[in-house]
């Protein structure tokens, strides 16, 4: 049996604005996604998820890849929305395995069973899909170049995120603190100490709109806006303030207000942020947010005087302390 794993991620600053060339900062978290592969002689690949099993005959992989590539071209031409490319999550998994075969110059597709186990909340803005793709690519391509893996994760992820950025792919592949600007990724080191004590993640629920839909909506309204220079400035200031939670806190507030201006912070999440600020803290969404509905995915919160228990969160909400991972994607024989 072969295995691989990749961490989740939290965006500190720069979601959305990174698409327009502004810098973004993100860090890998301790929650990981694990993939295992057990070979067998049957001419198909099976994916065992938490609640279901999906299979695809090996001779159908190429057809699926061409179909999804053509669908994405239709999206780029404005003929379909990003949500119309993938009909079920298994398609993205099988597509990625075929890309891994090509990346690794393998003559044949792997035959066997894939099992996926994850500590990363799905739909929470913590990079669960990027972690899955990175783990699959590392496992099946045996590619050891981080740059190659990052590009291929982004290539596969485009099918659900559209014209997204490099930030998710780079962070789950490299681990630690990562900076992305103008499609270039740099690992800055380990998680800063300022993001240790009193920092939390709060899951407000899976957004009603996907990352791809959010990115496209923001693009349609703000593509030529000067607001991206404001995002760039606050991200730069955050990068210079990573030694102190007290210095970071007011910048997180500024970042939140910028995200609210582009319409990706649902009113219920905005009320949560206001409550956190009233308690002497600061918070912002981390990830795409949402352009409809009440849930906004992940919120990054600084609470120096209490824990999220004091927030009377709605039933079903989850939270945890921030704990980073200095290890990116890894594969084991």
C-alpha atoms as a PDB file:
ATOM      1  CA  UNK A   1       0.000   0.000   0.000  1.00  0.00           C
ATOM      2  CA  UNK A   2       1.217   3.509  -0.891  1.00  0.00           C
ATOM      3  CA  UNK A   3       0.198   6.634   1.000  1.00  0.00           C
ATOM      4  CA  UNK A   4       0.444  10.407   0.779  1.00  0.00           C
ATOM      5  CA  UNK A   5      -0.817  13.374   2.755  1.00  0.00           C
ATOM      6  CA  UNK A   6      -1.153  17.142   2.498  1.00  0.00           C
ATOM      7  CA  UNK A   7      -2.070  19.871   4.998  1.00  0.00           C
ATOM      8  CA  UNK A   8      -4.976  22.234   4.963  1.00  0.00           C
ATOM      9  CA  UNK A   9      -4.400  25.965   4.832  1.00  0.00           C
ATOM     10  CA  UNK A  10      -5.693  29.273   6.156  1.00  0.00           C
ATOM     11  CA  UNK A  11      -5.363  32.499   4.179  1.00  0.00           C
ATOM     12  CA  UNK A  12      -4.099  35.315   6.372  1.00  0.00           C
ATOM     13  CA  UNK A  13      -4.595  38.062   3.802  1.00  0.00           C
ATOM     14  CA  UNK A  14      -5.058  38.496   0.081  1.00  0.00           C
ATOM     15  CA  UNK A  15      -7.954  36.237  -0.888  1.00  0.00           C
ATOM     16  CA  UNK A  16      -9.578  37.597  -4.047  1.00  0.00           C
ATOM     17  CA  UNK A  17      -7.001  40.382  -4.456  1.00  0.00           C
ATOM     18  CA  UNK A  18      -4.271  37.860  -5.313  1.00  0.00           C
ATOM     19  CA  UNK A  19      -6.176  37.141  -8.542  1.00  0.00           C
ATOM     20  CA  UNK A  20      -5.360  40.729  -9.606  1.00  0.00           C
ATOM     21  CA  UNK A  21      -1.632  40.591  -8.881  1.00  0.00           C
ATOM     22  CA  UNK A  22      -1.725  41.725  -5.251  1.00  0.00           C
ATOM     23  CA  UNK A  23       0.266  39.702  -2.698  1.00  0.00           C
ATOM     24  CA  UNK A  24      -1.348  37.061  -0.498  1.00  0.00           C
ATOM     25  CA  UNK A  25      -0.189  35.368   2.694  1.00  0.00           C
ATOM     26  CA  UNK A  26      -1.330  31.937   3.860  1.00  0.00           C
ATOM     27  CA  UNK A  27      -0.098  29.216   6.173  1.00  0.00           C
ATOM     28  CA  UNK A  28      -0.468  25.445   6.343  1.00  0.00           C
ATOM     29  CA  UNK A  29      -2.349  23.978   9.310  1.00  0.00           C
ATOM     30  CA  UNK A  30      -1.940  20.778  11.284  1.00  0.00           C
ATOM     31  CA  UNK A  31      -5.148  19.241   9.903  1.00  0.00           C
ATOM     32  CA  UNK A  32      -4.175  16.910   7.054  1.00  0.00           C
ATOM     33  CA  UNK A  33      -5.788  14.846   4.333  1.00  0.00           C
ATOM     34  CA  UNK A  34      -4.473  11.313   3.797  1.00  0.00           C
ATOM     35  CA  UNK A  35      -4.690   9.197   0.647  1.00  0.00           C
ATOM     36  CA  UNK A  36      -3.878   5.495   0.473  1.00  0.00           C
ATOM     37  CA  UNK A  37      -3.725   3.266  -2.608  1.00  0.00           C
ATOM     38  CA  UNK A  38      -4.011  -0.506  -2.636  1.00  0.00           C
ATOM     39  CA  UNK A  39      -3.361  -2.129  -6.042  1.00  0.00           C
ATOM     40  CA  UNK A  40      -5.482  -4.958  -7.423  1.00  0.00           C
ATOM     41  CA  UNK A  41      -5.720  -6.646 -10.862  1.00  0.00           C
ATOM     42  CA  UNK A  42      -9.154  -5.378 -11.908  1.00  0.00           C
ATOM     43  CA  UNK A  43      -9.136  -2.871 -14.837  1.00  0.00           C
ATOM     44  CA  UNK A  44     -10.595   0.043 -12.912  1.00  0.00           C
ATOM     45  CA  UNK A  45      -9.877   2.561 -10.168  1.00  0.00           C
ATOM     46  CA  UNK A  46     -12.166   2.727  -7.150  1.00  0.00           C
ATOM     47  CA  UNK A  47     -12.474   5.656  -4.764  1.00  0.00           C
ATOM     48  CA  UNK A  48     -13.724   4.887  -1.280  1.00  0.00           C
ATOM     49  CA  UNK A  49     -15.111   8.045   0.283  1.00  0.00           C
ATOM     50  CA  UNK A  50     -16.660   8.392   3.740  1.00  0.00           C
ATOM     51  CA  UNK A  51     -20.183   7.586   2.522  1.00  0.00           C
ATOM     52  CA  UNK A  52     -19.892   6.109  -0.964  1.00  0.00           C
ATOM     53  CA  UNK A  53     -17.782   4.216  -3.483  1.00  0.00           C
ATOM     54  CA  UNK A  54     -17.063   5.462  -7.016  1.00  0.00           C
ATOM     55  CA  UNK A  55     -15.471   3.441  -9.808  1.00  0.00           C
ATOM     56  CA  UNK A  56     -14.224   4.240 -13.295  1.00  0.00           C
ATOM     57  CA  UNK A  57     -12.978   1.772 -15.875  1.00  0.00           C
ATOM     58  CA  UNK A  58      -9.440   2.553 -17.005  1.00  0.00           C
ATOM     59  CA  UNK A  59     -10.427   2.944 -20.659  1.00  0.00           C
ATOM     60  CA  UNK A  60     -12.769   5.814 -19.704  1.00  0.00           C
ATOM     61  CA  UNK A  61     -10.169   8.059 -18.044  1.00  0.00           C
ATOM     62  CA  UNK A  62      -8.965   9.707 -21.245  1.00  0.00           C
ATOM     63  CA  UNK A  63     -12.540  10.382 -22.373  1.00  0.00           C
ATOM     64  CA  UNK A  64     -13.341  12.027 -19.031  1.00  0.00           C
ATOM     65  CA  UNK A  65     -10.204  14.191 -19.162  1.00  0.00           C
ATOM     66  CA  UNK A  66     -11.007  15.442 -22.670  1.00  0.00           C
ATOM     67  CA  UNK A  67     -14.633  16.107 -21.687  1.00  0.00           C
ATOM     68  CA  UNK A  68     -13.678  18.202 -18.664  1.00  0.00           C
ATOM     69  CA  UNK A  69     -10.968  20.099 -20.556  1.00  0.00           C
ATOM     70  CA  UNK A  70     -13.504  20.943 -23.273  1.00  0.00           C
ATOM     71  CA  UNK A  71     -16.039  22.033 -20.661  1.00  0.00           C
ATOM     72  CA  UNK A  72     -13.471  24.367 -19.110  1.00  0.00           C
ATOM     73  CA  UNK A  73     -12.750  25.904 -22.510  1.00  0.00           C
ATOM     74  CA  UNK A  74     -16.477  26.532 -22.791  1.00  0.00           C
ATOM     75  CA  UNK A  75     -16.355  28.296 -19.427  1.00  0.00           C
ATOM     76  CA  UNK A  76     -13.476  30.513 -20.603  1.00  0.00           C
ATOM     77  CA  UNK A  77     -15.543  31.451 -23.667  1.00  0.00           C
ATOM     78  CA  UNK A  78     -18.513  32.366 -21.485  1.00  0.00           C
ATOM     79  CA  UNK A  79     -20.616  29.456 -22.735  1.00  0.00           C
ATOM     80  CA  UNK A  80     -21.175  27.924 -19.273  1.00  0.00           C
ATOM     81  CA  UNK A  81     -20.684  28.748 -15.611  1.00  0.00           C
ATOM     82  CA  UNK A  82     -17.894  27.267 -13.518  1.00  0.00           C
ATOM     83  CA  UNK A  83     -20.453  25.218 -11.559  1.00  0.00           C
ATOM     84  CA  UNK A  84     -21.433  23.348 -14.739  1.00  0.00           C
ATOM     85  CA  UNK A  85     -18.056  21.705 -15.399  1.00  0.00           C
ATOM     86  CA  UNK A  86     -17.902  18.963 -12.766  1.00  0.00           C
ATOM     87  CA  UNK A  87     -21.073  16.982 -12.130  1.00  0.00           C
ATOM     88  CA  UNK A  88     -19.762  14.966  -9.146  1.00  0.00           C
ATOM     89  CA  UNK A  89     -16.612  15.144  -6.976  1.00  0.00           C
ATOM     90  CA  UNK A  90     -15.366  11.763  -8.212  1.00  0.00           C
ATOM     91  CA  UNK A  91     -14.787  13.265 -11.663  1.00  0.00           C
ATOM     92  CA  UNK A  92     -12.149  15.636 -10.299  1.00  0.00           C
ATOM     93  CA  UNK A  93     -10.403  12.756  -8.517  1.00  0.00           C
ATOM     94  CA  UNK A  94     -10.278  10.574 -11.630  1.00  0.00           C
ATOM     95  CA  UNK A  95      -9.177  13.560 -13.740  1.00  0.00           C
ATOM     96  CA  UNK A  96      -6.333  14.279 -11.316  1.00  0.00           C
ATOM     97  CA  UNK A  97      -5.135  10.668 -11.351  1.00  0.00           C
ATOM     98  CA  UNK A  98      -4.959  10.806 -15.158  1.00  0.00           C
ATOM     99  CA  UNK A  99      -3.013  14.082 -14.991  1.00  0.00           C
ATOM    100  CA  UNK A 100      -0.669  12.403 -12.491  1.00  0.00           C
ATOM    101  CA  UNK A 101      -0.107   9.565 -14.950  1.00  0.00           C
ATOM    102  CA  UNK A 102       0.888  12.063 -17.635  1.00  0.00           C
ATOM    103  CA  UNK A 103       3.056  14.093 -15.238  1.00  0.00           C
ATOM    104  CA  UNK A 104       4.894  10.956 -14.135  1.00  0.00           C
ATOM    105  CA  UNK A 105       5.286   9.649 -17.702  1.00  0.00           C
ATOM    106  CA  UNK A 106       3.531   6.441 -16.688  1.00  0.00           C
ATOM    107  CA  UNK A 107       2.461   4.121 -19.481  1.00  0.00           C
ATOM    108  CA  UNK A 108      -0.547   2.765 -17.622  1.00  0.00           C
ATOM    109  CA  UNK A 109      -3.081   4.038 -15.143  1.00  0.00           C
ATOM    110  CA  UNK A 110      -2.980   2.558 -11.647  1.00  0.00           C
ATOM    111  CA  UNK A 111      -5.410  -0.290 -10.953  1.00  0.00           C
ATOM    112  CA  UNK A 112      -6.730  -0.518  -7.444  1.00  0.00           C
ATOM    113  CA  UNK A 113      -8.521   1.203  -4.601  1.00  0.00           C
ATOM    114  CA  UNK A 114      -8.062   4.762  -3.354  1.00  0.00           C
ATOM    115  CA  UNK A 115      -9.113   5.619   0.189  1.00  0.00           C
ATOM    116  CA  UNK A 116      -9.336   9.205   1.384  1.00  0.00           C
ATOM    117  CA  UNK A 117      -9.430  10.250   5.032  1.00  0.00           C
ATOM    118  CA  UNK A 118      -9.403  13.899   6.042  1.00  0.00           C
ATOM    119  CA  UNK A 119      -9.198  16.030   9.163  1.00  0.00           C
ATOM    120  CA  UNK A 120      -9.836  19.150   7.047  1.00  0.00           C
ATOM    121  CA  UNK A 121     -13.447  20.421   7.082  1.00  0.00           C
ATOM    122  CA  UNK A 122     -14.966  20.326   3.589  1.00  0.00           C
ATOM    123  CA  UNK A 123     -16.239  23.629   2.229  1.00  0.00           C
ATOM    124  CA  UNK A 124     -14.598  25.543   5.054  1.00  0.00           C
ATOM    125  CA  UNK A 125     -12.021  27.510   3.074  1.00  0.00           C
ATOM    126  CA  UNK A 126      -9.233  25.413   4.584  1.00  0.00           C
ATOM    127  CA  UNK A 127      -7.979  24.022   1.289  1.00  0.00           C
ATOM    128  CA  UNK A 128      -9.512  20.547   1.413  1.00  0.00           C
ATOM    129  CA  UNK A 129      -9.721  20.254  -2.372  1.00  0.00           C
ATOM    130  CA  UNK A 130      -6.171  21.541  -2.934  1.00  0.00           C
ATOM    131  CA  UNK A 131      -4.877  19.118  -0.293  1.00  0.00           C
ATOM    132  CA  UNK A 132      -6.673  16.232  -1.993  1.00  0.00           C
ATOM    133  CA  UNK A 133      -5.303  17.081  -5.428  1.00  0.00           C
ATOM    134  CA  UNK A 134      -1.775  17.585  -4.085  1.00  0.00           C
ATOM    135  CA  UNK A 135      -1.872  14.237  -2.274  1.00  0.00           C
ATOM    136  CA  UNK A 136      -3.176  12.429  -5.373  1.00  0.00           C
ATOM    137  CA  UNK A 137      -0.588  14.016  -7.660  1.00  0.00           C
ATOM    138  CA  UNK A 138       2.274  13.287  -5.268  1.00  0.00           C
ATOM    139  CA  UNK A 139       1.136   9.690  -4.810  1.00  0.00           C
ATOM    140  CA  UNK A 140       0.537   8.736  -8.425  1.00  0.00           C
ATOM    141  CA  UNK A 141       3.034  10.881 -10.346  1.00  0.00           C
ATOM    142  CA  UNK A 142       5.943  10.489  -7.896  1.00  0.00           C
ATOM    143  CA  UNK A 143       6.774  14.059  -8.831  1.00  0.00           C
ATOM    144  CA  UNK A 144       9.162  15.578  -6.295  1.00  0.00           C
ATOM    145  CA  UNK A 145       9.448  19.084  -7.733  1.00  0.00           C
ATOM    146  CA  UNK A 146       7.321  21.460  -5.606  1.00  0.00           C
ATOM    147  CA  UNK A 147       7.017  23.864  -8.538  1.00  0.00           C
ATOM    148  CA  UNK A 148       5.643  21.133 -10.808  1.00  0.00           C
ATOM    149  CA  UNK A 149       3.220  19.935  -8.162  1.00  0.00           C
ATOM    150  CA  UNK A 150       1.953  23.455  -7.473  1.00  0.00           C
ATOM    151  CA  UNK A 151       1.270  24.070 -11.156  1.00  0.00           C
ATOM    152  CA  UNK A 152      -0.504  20.740 -11.591  1.00  0.00           C
ATOM    153  CA  UNK A 153      -2.650  21.226  -8.481  1.00  0.00           C
ATOM    154  CA  UNK A 154      -3.708  24.585  -9.850  1.00  0.00           C
ATOM    155  CA  UNK A 155      -4.328  23.057 -13.293  1.00  0.00           C
ATOM    156  CA  UNK A 156      -6.683  20.451 -11.826  1.00  0.00           C
ATOM    157  CA  UNK A 157      -8.317  22.837  -9.370  1.00  0.00           C
ATOM    158  CA  UNK A 158      -9.241  25.252 -12.156  1.00  0.00           C
ATOM    159  CA  UNK A 159     -12.120  22.915 -13.020  1.00  0.00           C
ATOM    160  CA  UNK A 160     -13.953  24.014  -9.877  1.00  0.00           C
ATOM    161  CA  UNK A 161     -12.346  27.365  -9.021  1.00  0.00           C
ATOM    162  CA  UNK A 162     -12.131  28.865 -12.505  1.00  0.00           C
ATOM    163  CA  UNK A 163      -9.683  31.744 -12.786  1.00  0.00           C
ATOM    164  CA  UNK A 164      -8.368  31.286  -9.276  1.00  0.00           C
ATOM    165  CA  UNK A 165      -4.956  31.963  -7.788  1.00  0.00           C
ATOM    166  CA  UNK A 166      -1.923  29.945  -6.811  1.00  0.00           C
ATOM    167  CA  UNK A 167      -2.335  30.451  -3.065  1.00  0.00           C
ATOM    168  CA  UNK A 168      -4.119  27.211  -2.106  1.00  0.00           C
ATOM    169  CA  UNK A 169      -1.905  25.017  -4.274  1.00  0.00           C
ATOM    170  CA  UNK A 170       1.317  26.652  -3.095  1.00  0.00           C
ATOM    171  CA  UNK A 171       0.480  26.490   0.607  1.00  0.00           C
ATOM    172  CA  UNK A 172      -0.564  22.836   0.736  1.00  0.00           C
ATOM    173  CA  UNK A 173       2.466  21.828  -1.338  1.00  0.00           C
ATOM    174  CA  UNK A 174       5.106  23.883   0.500  1.00  0.00           C
ATOM    175  CA  UNK A 175       3.830  23.987   4.093  1.00  0.00           C
ATOM    176  CA  UNK A 176       4.686  26.753   6.566  1.00  0.00           C
ATOM    177  CA  UNK A 177       4.014  30.425   5.796  1.00  0.00           C
ATOM    178  CA  UNK A 178       3.698  31.133   2.067  1.00  0.00           C
ATOM    179  CA  UNK A 179       3.593  34.377   0.103  1.00  0.00           C
ATOM    180  CA  UNK A 180       2.167  34.501  -3.418  1.00  0.00           C
ATOM    181  CA  UNK A 181       2.349  37.447  -5.792  1.00  0.00           C
ATOM    182  CA  UNK A 182       2.003  37.612  -9.574  1.00  0.00           C
ATOM    183  CA  UNK A 183       1.856  33.812  -9.837  1.00  0.00           C
ATOM    184  CA  UNK A 184       5.092  33.331  -7.913  1.00  0.00           C
ATOM    185  CA  UNK A 185       5.137  31.457  -4.612  1.00  0.00           C
ATOM    186  CA  UNK A 186       7.728  31.762  -1.864  1.00  0.00           C
ATOM    187  CA  UNK A 187       7.902  29.837   1.403  1.00  0.00           C
ATOM    188  CA  UNK A 188       8.598  32.481   4.062  1.00  0.00           C
ATOM    189  CA  UNK A 189       9.348  30.104   6.931  1.00  0.00           C
ATOM    190  CA  UNK A 190       7.386  28.568   9.771  1.00  0.00           C
ATOM    191  CA  UNK A 191       4.129  29.848  11.260  1.00  0.00           C
ATOM    192  CA  UNK A 192       4.827  33.187  13.003  1.00  0.00           C
ATOM    193  CA  UNK A 193       4.587  33.201  16.794  1.00  0.00           C
ATOM    194  CA  UNK A 194       2.060  36.040  16.634  1.00  0.00           C
ATOM    195  CA  UNK A 195      -0.476  33.555  15.253  1.00  0.00           C
ATOM    196  CA  UNK A 196      -0.185  31.202  18.199  1.00  0.00           C
ATOM    197  CA  UNK A 197      -1.979  31.960  21.443  1.00  0.00           C
ATOM    198  CA  UNK A 198      -5.414  33.647  21.232  1.00  0.00           C
ATOM    199  CA  UNK A 199      -5.920  32.895  17.515  1.00  0.00           C
ATOM    200  CA  UNK A 200      -8.743  30.617  16.394  1.00  0.00           C
ATOM    201  CA  UNK A 201     -10.495  29.311  13.313  1.00  0.00           C
ATOM    202  CA  UNK A 202     -14.301  29.310  13.303  1.00  0.00           C
ATOM    203  CA  UNK A 203     -16.282  27.376  10.699  1.00  0.00           C
ATOM    204  CA  UNK A 204     -19.505  29.276   9.981  1.00  0.00           C
ATOM    205  CA  UNK A 205     -20.909  26.665   7.595  1.00  0.00           C
ATOM    206  CA  UNK A 206     -20.398  25.667   3.982  1.00  0.00           C
ATOM    207  CA  UNK A 207     -21.064  28.668   1.709  1.00  0.00           C
ATOM    208  CA  UNK A 208     -24.057  28.546  -0.611  1.00  0.00           C
ATOM    209  CA  UNK A 209     -21.775  29.569  -3.477  1.00  0.00           C
ATOM    210  CA  UNK A 210     -18.560  27.874  -4.577  1.00  0.00           C
ATOM    211  CA  UNK A 211     -15.158  29.540  -4.708  1.00  0.00           C
ATOM    212  CA  UNK A 212     -15.401  29.705  -8.495  1.00  0.00           C
ATOM    213  CA  UNK A 213     -18.769  31.444  -8.402  1.00  0.00           C
ATOM    214  CA  UNK A 214     -17.479  33.961  -5.818  1.00  0.00           C
ATOM    215  CA  UNK A 215     -14.378  34.724  -7.863  1.00  0.00           C
ATOM    216  CA  UNK A 216     -16.461  35.261 -10.999  1.00  0.00           C
ATOM    217  CA  UNK A 217     -18.985  37.505  -9.208  1.00  0.00           C
ATOM    218  CA  UNK A 218     -16.244  39.683  -7.734  1.00  0.00           C
ATOM    219  CA  UNK A 219     -14.529  39.859 -11.120  1.00  0.00           C
ATOM    220  CA  UNK A 220     -17.724  41.040 -12.799  1.00  0.00           C
ATOM    221  CA  UNK A 221     -18.061  43.950 -10.352  1.00  0.00           C
ATOM    222  CA  UNK A 222     -14.531  44.878  -9.276  1.00  0.00           C
ATOM    223  CA  UNK A 223     -12.087  43.705 -11.959  1.00  0.00           C
ATOM    224  CA  UNK A 224     -10.920  47.250 -12.719  1.00  0.00           C
ATOM    225  CA  UNK A 225     -11.388  48.681  -9.229  1.00  0.00           C
ATOM    226  CA  UNK A 226      -8.690  50.554  -7.321  1.00  0.00           C
ATOM    227  CA  UNK A 227      -9.637  48.570  -4.208  1.00  0.00           C
ATOM    228  CA  UNK A 228      -6.988  45.968  -5.040  1.00  0.00           C
ATOM    229  CA  UNK A 229      -4.234  48.444  -4.217  1.00  0.00           C
ATOM    230  CA  UNK A 230      -5.824  48.836  -0.761  1.00  0.00           C
ATOM    231  CA  UNK A 231      -5.766  45.064  -0.329  1.00  0.00           C
ATOM    232  CA  UNK A 232      -2.129  45.049  -1.439  1.00  0.00           C
ATOM    233  CA  UNK A 233      -1.196  47.705   1.120  1.00  0.00           C
ATOM    234  CA  UNK A 234      -2.847  45.926   4.050  1.00  0.00           C
ATOM    235  CA  UNK A 235      -1.281  42.582   3.098  1.00  0.00           C
ATOM    236  CA  UNK A 236       2.136  44.234   3.009  1.00  0.00           C
ATOM    237  CA  UNK A 237       1.514  45.736   6.464  1.00  0.00           C
ATOM    238  CA  UNK A 238       0.392  42.357   7.794  1.00  0.00           C
ATOM    239  CA  UNK A 239       3.588  40.821   6.461  1.00  0.00           C
ATOM    240  CA  UNK A 240       5.574  43.386   8.465  1.00  0.00           C
ATOM    241  CA  UNK A 241       3.541  42.812  11.640  1.00  0.00           C
ATOM    242  CA  UNK A 242       3.837  39.070  12.129  1.00  0.00           C
ATOM    243  CA  UNK A 243       5.823  39.420  15.350  1.00  0.00           C
ATOM    244  CA  UNK A 244       2.957  40.908  17.333  1.00  0.00           C
ATOM    245  CA  UNK A 245      -0.717  39.997  17.712  1.00  0.00           C
ATOM    246  CA  UNK A 246      -1.391  43.533  18.940  1.00  0.00           C
ATOM    247  CA  UNK A 247       0.024  44.989  15.720  1.00  0.00           C
ATOM    248  CA  UNK A 248      -1.775  42.394  13.600  1.00  0.00           C
ATOM    249  CA  UNK A 249      -5.221  42.895  15.114  1.00  0.00           C
ATOM    250  CA  UNK A 250      -6.083  46.341  13.632  1.00  0.00           C
ATOM    251  CA  UNK A 251      -4.865  45.203  10.217  1.00  0.00           C
ATOM    252  CA  UNK A 252      -7.189  42.201  10.330  1.00  0.00           C
ATOM    253  CA  UNK A 253     -10.029  44.671  10.963  1.00  0.00           C
ATOM    254  CA  UNK A 254      -9.045  46.696   7.897  1.00  0.00           C
ATOM    255  CA  UNK A 255      -8.891  43.522   5.835  1.00  0.00           C
ATOM    256  CA  UNK A 256     -12.367  42.519   6.982  1.00  0.00           C
ATOM    257  CA  UNK A 257     -13.831  45.848   5.899  1.00  0.00           C
ATOM    258  CA  UNK A 258     -12.251  45.540   2.467  1.00  0.00           C
ATOM    259  CA  UNK A 259     -13.724  42.061   2.042  1.00  0.00           C
ATOM    260  CA  UNK A 260     -17.111  43.419   3.094  1.00  0.00           C
ATOM    261  CA  UNK A 261     -16.861  46.106   0.420  1.00  0.00           C
ATOM    262  CA  UNK A 262     -16.475  43.522  -2.350  1.00  0.00           C
ATOM    263  CA  UNK A 263     -19.564  41.685  -1.106  1.00  0.00           C
ATOM    264  CA  UNK A 264     -18.185  38.330   0.050  1.00  0.00           C
ATOM    265  CA  UNK A 265     -19.039  38.595   3.768  1.00  0.00           C
ATOM    266  CA  UNK A 266     -22.605  37.401   4.532  1.00  0.00           C
ATOM    267  CA  UNK A 267     -24.558  39.500   7.026  1.00  0.00           C
ATOM    268  CA  UNK A 268     -24.565  36.739   9.661  1.00  0.00           C
ATOM    269  CA  UNK A 269     -20.783  36.462   9.434  1.00  0.00           C
ATOM    270  CA  UNK A 270     -20.448  40.232   9.600  1.00  0.00           C
ATOM    271  CA  UNK A 271     -22.479  40.175  12.828  1.00  0.00           C
ATOM    272  CA  UNK A 272     -20.111  37.536  14.222  1.00  0.00           C
ATOM    273  CA  UNK A 273     -17.104  39.712  13.390  1.00  0.00           C
ATOM    274  CA  UNK A 274     -18.753  42.689  15.102  1.00  0.00           C
ATOM    275  CA  UNK A 275     -19.297  40.587  18.236  1.00  0.00           C
ATOM    276  CA  UNK A 276     -15.627  39.549  18.208  1.00  0.00           C
ATOM    277  CA  UNK A 277     -14.542  43.179  17.856  1.00  0.00           C
ATOM    278  CA  UNK A 278     -16.826  44.174  20.743  1.00  0.00           C
ATOM    279  CA  UNK A 279     -14.927  41.644  22.871  1.00  0.00           C
ATOM    280  CA  UNK A 280     -11.622  43.327  22.010  1.00  0.00           C
ATOM    281  CA  UNK A 281     -10.664  41.004  19.178  1.00  0.00           C
ATOM    282  CA  UNK A 282     -10.517  41.029  15.392  1.00  0.00           C
ATOM    283  CA  UNK A 283     -11.686  38.648  12.684  1.00  0.00           C
ATOM    284  CA  UNK A 284     -12.083  38.177   8.937  1.00  0.00           C
ATOM    285  CA  UNK A 285     -13.229  35.500   6.557  1.00  0.00           C
ATOM    286  CA  UNK A 286     -10.414  33.322   5.279  1.00  0.00           C
ATOM    287  CA  UNK A 287     -11.121  32.101   1.777  1.00  0.00           C
ATOM    288  CA  UNK A 288     -13.594  33.062  -0.900  1.00  0.00           C
ATOM    289  CA  UNK A 289     -16.467  33.842   1.462  1.00  0.00           C
ATOM    290  CA  UNK A 290     -19.907  33.827  -0.153  1.00  0.00           C
ATOM    291  CA  UNK A 291     -22.019  36.073  -2.354  1.00  0.00           C
ATOM    292  CA  UNK A 292     -25.326  34.629  -1.117  1.00  0.00           C
ATOM    293  CA  UNK A 293     -26.655  32.777   1.910  1.00  0.00           C
ATOM    294  CA  UNK A 294     -25.716  33.076   5.580  1.00  0.00           C
ATOM    295  CA  UNK A 295     -22.576  30.921   5.807  1.00  0.00           C
ATOM    296  CA  UNK A 296     -19.151  32.259   4.881  1.00  0.00           C
ATOM    297  CA  UNK A 297     -16.911  29.257   5.382  1.00  0.00           C
ATOM    298  CA  UNK A 298     -13.922  29.923   7.609  1.00  0.00           C
ATOM    299  CA  UNK A 299     -13.333  32.910   9.880  1.00  0.00           C
ATOM    300  CA  UNK A 300      -9.880  33.679  11.284  1.00  0.00           C
ATOM    301  CA  UNK A 301     -10.326  35.220  14.731  1.00  0.00           C
ATOM    302  CA  UNK A 302      -8.150  36.883  17.365  1.00  0.00           C
ATOM    303  CA  UNK A 303      -9.718  36.707  20.832  1.00  0.00           C
ATOM    304  CA  UNK A 304      -7.270  37.864  23.525  1.00  0.00           C
ATOM    305  CA  UNK A 305      -9.731  37.782  26.425  1.00  0.00           C
ATOM    306  CA  UNK A 306     -11.880  34.690  25.764  1.00  0.00           C
ATOM    307  CA  UNK A 307     -12.430  31.714  23.460  1.00  0.00           C
ATOM    308  CA  UNK A 308     -15.105  31.263  20.764  1.00  0.00           C
ATOM    309  CA  UNK A 309     -17.280  29.640  23.439  1.00  0.00           C
ATOM    310  CA  UNK A 310     -18.141  33.183  24.529  1.00  0.00           C
ATOM    311  CA  UNK A 311     -19.653  33.945  21.119  1.00  0.00           C
ATOM    312  CA  UNK A 312     -22.772  31.762  21.485  1.00  0.00           C
ATOM    313  CA  UNK A 313     -22.151  30.300  18.049  1.00  0.00           C
ATOM    314  CA  UNK A 314     -25.076  28.752  16.132  1.00  0.00           C
ATOM    315  CA  UNK A 315     -25.653  25.024  16.480  1.00  0.00           C
ATOM    316  CA  UNK A 316     -23.349  23.113  14.150  1.00  0.00           C
ATOM    317  CA  UNK A 317     -20.563  25.696  14.198  1.00  0.00           C
ATOM    318  CA  UNK A 318     -17.058  24.399  14.823  1.00  0.00           C
ATOM    319  CA  UNK A 319     -13.920  26.099  16.033  1.00  0.00           C
ATOM    320  CA  UNK A 320     -10.381  25.311  17.055  1.00  0.00           C
ATOM    321  CA  UNK A 321      -7.064  26.864  17.977  1.00  0.00           C
ATOM    322  CA  UNK A 322      -4.618  27.801  15.238  1.00  0.00           C
ATOM    323  CA  UNK A 323      -1.843  25.246  14.867  1.00  0.00           C
ATOM    324  CA  UNK A 324       0.470  25.403  11.890  1.00  0.00           C
ATOM    325  CA  UNK A 325       2.244  22.719   9.891  1.00  0.00           C
ATOM    326  CA  UNK A 326       5.729  23.185   8.524  1.00  0.00           C
ATOM    327  CA  UNK A 327       5.344  20.117   6.311  1.00  0.00           C
ATOM    328  CA  UNK A 328       3.692  20.328   2.913  1.00  0.00           C
ATOM    329  CA  UNK A 329       2.579  17.434   0.746  1.00  0.00           C
ATOM    330  CA  UNK A 330       4.483  14.163   1.232  1.00  0.00           C
ATOM    331  CA  UNK A 331       4.282  10.696  -0.349  1.00  0.00           C
ATOM    332  CA  UNK A 332       5.380   7.369   1.127  1.00  0.00           C
ATOM    333  CA  UNK A 333       6.053   4.059  -0.608  1.00  0.00           C
END
